[in-house]
Amino acid sequence: MNVSETGMLVVFERPIDFWLEGELTFLIEHQPFNIKARVVRVDIREAGLLFHIDTDADKLTVEKLLELAAHHK
């Protein structure tokens, strides 16, 4: 998992549009975490997503993702 404090790199099954925005939902330890993100970089099927970190809940989601990524290295 390639995730940072500001975003993540994702591989999609098919190409994705640049600047597409949406909400991501992650199920971590059976609990859903949501965060909005925008596509800021595209390379064929890989896309760099930038998180919208506006609330404490967004910050908590990013913290949980970073913890999850650290455990999968």
N, C-alpha and C. Protein backbone atom coordinates (compact mmCIF):
# COMPACT_ATOMS: atom_id res chain seq x y z
N MET A 1 0.86 -1.17 0.00
CA MET A 1 0.00 0.00 0.00
C MET A 1 0.90 1.23 0.00
N ASN A 2 0.68 2.11 -0.95
CA ASN A 2 1.48 3.33 -1.08
C ASN A 2 0.63 4.52 -0.64
N VAL A 3 0.77 4.89 0.62
CA VAL A 3 -0.05 5.96 1.20
C VAL A 3 0.85 6.92 1.97
N SER A 4 0.50 8.20 1.92
CA SER A 4 1.24 9.22 2.68
C SER A 4 0.25 10.07 3.45
N GLU A 5 0.74 11.08 4.13
CA GLU A 5 -0.13 11.96 4.91
C GLU A 5 -1.05 12.81 4.03
N THR A 6 -0.73 12.91 2.74
CA THR A 6 -1.53 13.77 1.87
C THR A 6 -2.29 13.03 0.78
N GLY A 7 -1.95 11.76 0.55
CA GLY A 7 -2.64 11.04 -0.51
C GLY A 7 -2.14 9.62 -0.66
N MET A 8 -2.49 9.00 -1.79
CA MET A 8 -2.07 7.63 -2.01
C MET A 8 -2.02 7.32 -3.50
N LEU A 9 -1.28 6.28 -3.84
CA LEU A 9 -1.19 5.79 -5.21
C LEU A 9 -2.09 4.57 -5.31
N VAL A 10 -2.94 4.55 -6.33
CA VAL A 10 -3.92 3.49 -6.49
C VAL A 10 -3.82 2.92 -7.90
N VAL A 11 -4.00 1.61 -8.04
CA VAL A 11 -4.04 0.97 -9.34
C VAL A 11 -5.49 0.60 -9.64
N PHE A 12 -5.99 1.04 -10.77
CA PHE A 12 -7.36 0.77 -11.18
C PHE A 12 -7.38 -0.28 -12.29
N GLU A 13 -8.49 -0.95 -12.46
CA GLU A 13 -8.63 -1.97 -13.50
C GLU A 13 -8.61 -1.36 -14.90
N ARG A 14 -9.04 -0.12 -15.01
CA ARG A 14 -9.03 0.57 -16.30
C ARG A 14 -8.63 2.03 -16.07
N PRO A 15 -8.26 2.73 -17.12
CA PRO A 15 -7.82 4.13 -16.94
C PRO A 15 -8.88 4.97 -16.25
N ILE A 16 -8.41 5.97 -15.52
CA ILE A 16 -9.29 6.86 -14.76
C ILE A 16 -9.02 8.30 -15.21
N ASP A 17 -10.02 9.14 -15.12
CA ASP A 17 -9.90 10.52 -15.57
C ASP A 17 -9.14 11.38 -14.56
N PHE A 18 -8.32 12.27 -15.09
CA PHE A 18 -7.58 13.24 -14.31
C PHE A 18 -8.55 14.23 -13.68
N TRP A 19 -8.32 14.65 -12.46
CA TRP A 19 -9.11 15.60 -11.68
C TRP A 19 -10.47 15.05 -11.22
N LEU A 20 -10.72 13.77 -11.42
CA LEU A 20 -11.94 13.15 -10.91
C LEU A 20 -11.93 13.26 -9.39
N GLU A 21 -13.08 13.56 -8.80
CA GLU A 21 -13.19 13.67 -7.34
C GLU A 21 -14.22 12.68 -6.83
N GLY A 22 -14.03 12.21 -5.61
CA GLY A 22 -15.00 11.30 -5.02
C GLY A 22 -14.65 11.01 -3.58
N GLU A 23 -15.41 10.12 -2.99
CA GLU A 23 -15.19 9.73 -1.60
C GLU A 23 -14.74 8.28 -1.56
N LEU A 24 -13.70 8.03 -0.79
CA LEU A 24 -13.16 6.69 -0.60
C LEU A 24 -13.65 6.16 0.74
N THR A 25 -13.97 4.89 0.78
CA THR A 25 -14.36 4.23 2.02
C THR A 25 -13.41 3.07 2.26
N PHE A 26 -12.82 3.04 3.43
CA PHE A 26 -11.90 1.98 3.83
C PHE A 26 -12.50 1.25 5.01
N LEU A 27 -12.46 -0.06 4.98
CA LEU A 27 -12.91 -0.86 6.10
C LEU A 27 -11.66 -1.32 6.85
N ILE A 28 -11.44 -0.74 8.02
CA ILE A 28 -10.26 -1.06 8.82
C ILE A 28 -10.74 -1.61 10.15
N GLU A 29 -10.35 -2.86 10.42
CA GLU A 29 -10.77 -3.55 11.64
C GLU A 29 -12.29 -3.51 11.78
N HIS A 30 -12.99 -3.79 10.69
CA HIS A 30 -14.45 -3.87 10.64
C HIS A 30 -15.15 -2.53 10.87
N GLN A 31 -14.40 -1.43 10.78
CA GLN A 31 -14.98 -0.10 10.96
C GLN A 31 -14.75 0.72 9.70
N PRO A 32 -15.80 1.34 9.15
CA PRO A 32 -15.61 2.15 7.93
C PRO A 32 -15.01 3.52 8.23
N PHE A 33 -14.09 3.93 7.38
CA PHE A 33 -13.48 5.25 7.42
C PHE A 33 -13.64 5.87 6.04
N ASN A 34 -14.08 7.11 5.96
CA ASN A 34 -14.31 7.80 4.69
C ASN A 34 -13.43 9.03 4.57
N ILE A 35 -13.02 9.30 3.33
CA ILE A 35 -12.29 10.54 3.06
C ILE A 35 -12.49 10.90 1.59
N LYS A 36 -12.61 12.18 1.33
CA LYS A 36 -12.73 12.65 -0.05
C LYS A 36 -11.33 12.78 -0.64
N ALA A 37 -11.26 12.53 -1.96
CA ALA A 37 -9.97 12.61 -2.64
C ALA A 37 -10.18 13.06 -4.09
N ARG A 38 -9.09 13.53 -4.67
CA ARG A 38 -9.10 13.98 -6.06
C ARG A 38 -7.92 13.35 -6.79
N VAL A 39 -8.13 12.95 -8.04
CA VAL A 39 -7.06 12.40 -8.87
C VAL A 39 -6.18 13.57 -9.32
N VAL A 40 -4.89 13.50 -8.99
CA VAL A 40 -3.97 14.58 -9.35
C VAL A 40 -2.86 14.12 -10.29
N ARG A 41 -2.76 12.79 -10.50
CA ARG A 41 -1.74 12.26 -11.41
C ARG A 41 -2.25 10.94 -11.98
N VAL A 42 -2.05 10.76 -13.28
CA VAL A 42 -2.48 9.52 -13.93
C VAL A 42 -1.35 9.00 -14.79
N ASP A 43 -1.09 7.69 -14.68
CA ASP A 43 -0.10 7.01 -15.51
C ASP A 43 -0.69 5.66 -15.90
N ILE A 44 -1.35 5.60 -17.02
CA ILE A 44 -2.07 4.44 -17.54
C ILE A 44 -3.14 4.03 -16.52
N ARG A 45 -2.89 2.99 -15.71
CA ARG A 45 -3.90 2.56 -14.73
C ARG A 45 -3.59 3.03 -13.32
N GLU A 46 -2.42 3.57 -13.08
CA GLU A 46 -2.09 4.10 -11.75
C GLU A 46 -2.56 5.53 -11.64
N ALA A 47 -3.04 5.88 -10.46
CA ALA A 47 -3.49 7.25 -10.22
C ALA A 47 -3.02 7.71 -8.85
N GLY A 48 -2.53 8.93 -8.81
CA GLY A 48 -2.17 9.56 -7.55
C GLY A 48 -3.37 10.34 -7.03
N LEU A 49 -3.80 10.02 -5.82
CA LEU A 49 -4.95 10.67 -5.21
C LEU A 49 -4.49 11.64 -4.12
N LEU A 50 -5.09 12.81 -4.08
CA LEU A 50 -4.83 13.80 -3.05
C LEU A 50 -6.03 13.83 -2.11
N PHE A 51 -5.78 13.59 -0.82
CA PHE A 51 -6.86 13.61 0.16
C PHE A 51 -7.34 15.03 0.42
N HIS A 52 -8.63 15.19 0.67
CA HIS A 52 -9.20 16.44 1.18
C HIS A 52 -9.25 16.27 2.69
N ILE A 53 -8.34 16.90 3.39
CA ILE A 53 -8.26 16.76 4.85
C ILE A 53 -8.80 18.05 5.47
N ASP A 54 -10.09 18.02 5.79
CA ASP A 54 -10.77 19.21 6.29
C ASP A 54 -11.24 19.09 7.74
N THR A 55 -11.37 17.87 8.23
CA THR A 55 -11.96 17.67 9.56
C THR A 55 -11.07 16.74 10.39
N ASP A 56 -11.38 16.65 11.68
CA ASP A 56 -10.66 15.71 12.55
C ASP A 56 -10.91 14.27 12.10
N ALA A 57 -12.11 13.99 11.58
CA ALA A 57 -12.41 12.65 11.08
C ALA A 57 -11.52 12.31 9.88
N ASP A 58 -11.26 13.29 9.02
CA ASP A 58 -10.36 13.08 7.89
C ASP A 58 -8.95 12.77 8.38
N LYS A 59 -8.49 13.51 9.38
CA LYS A 59 -7.16 13.28 9.95
C LYS A 59 -7.07 11.88 10.55
N LEU A 60 -8.12 11.44 11.23
CA LEU A 60 -8.15 10.10 11.82
C LEU A 60 -8.10 9.04 10.73
N THR A 61 -8.82 9.24 9.64
CA THR A 61 -8.79 8.29 8.53
C THR A 61 -7.38 8.15 7.98
N VAL A 62 -6.70 9.26 7.77
CA VAL A 62 -5.33 9.22 7.26
C VAL A 62 -4.41 8.51 8.25
N GLU A 63 -4.55 8.79 9.53
CA GLU A 63 -3.75 8.11 10.55
C GLU A 63 -3.96 6.60 10.49
N LYS A 64 -5.21 6.18 10.36
CA LYS A 64 -5.51 4.74 10.29
C LYS A 64 -4.91 4.12 9.03
N LEU A 65 -4.98 4.84 7.90
CA LEU A 65 -4.39 4.33 6.66
C LEU A 65 -2.88 4.19 6.77
N LEU A 66 -2.24 5.17 7.41
CA LEU A 66 -0.79 5.10 7.60
C LEU A 66 -0.40 3.93 8.50
N GLU A 67 -1.18 3.70 9.55
CA GLU A 67 -0.94 2.54 10.42
C GLU A 67 -1.09 1.24 9.64
N LEU A 68 -2.14 1.15 8.83
CA LEU A 68 -2.38 -0.05 8.04
C LEU A 68 -1.24 -0.28 7.05
N ALA A 69 -0.78 0.79 6.40
CA ALA A 69 0.31 0.68 5.44
C ALA A 69 1.60 0.23 6.13
N ALA A 70 1.86 0.74 7.34
CA ALA A 70 3.06 0.37 8.07
C ALA A 70 3.07 -1.12 8.42
N HIS A 71 1.89 -1.68 8.70
CA HIS A 71 1.79 -3.10 9.04
C HIS A 71 1.93 -4.01 7.82
N HIS A 72 1.73 -3.47 6.62
CA HIS A 72 1.80 -4.28 5.41
C HIS A 72 3.14 -4.20 4.70
N LYS A 73 4.11 -3.55 5.31
CA LYS A 73 5.44 -3.45 4.68
C LYS A 73 6.28 -4.64 4.99
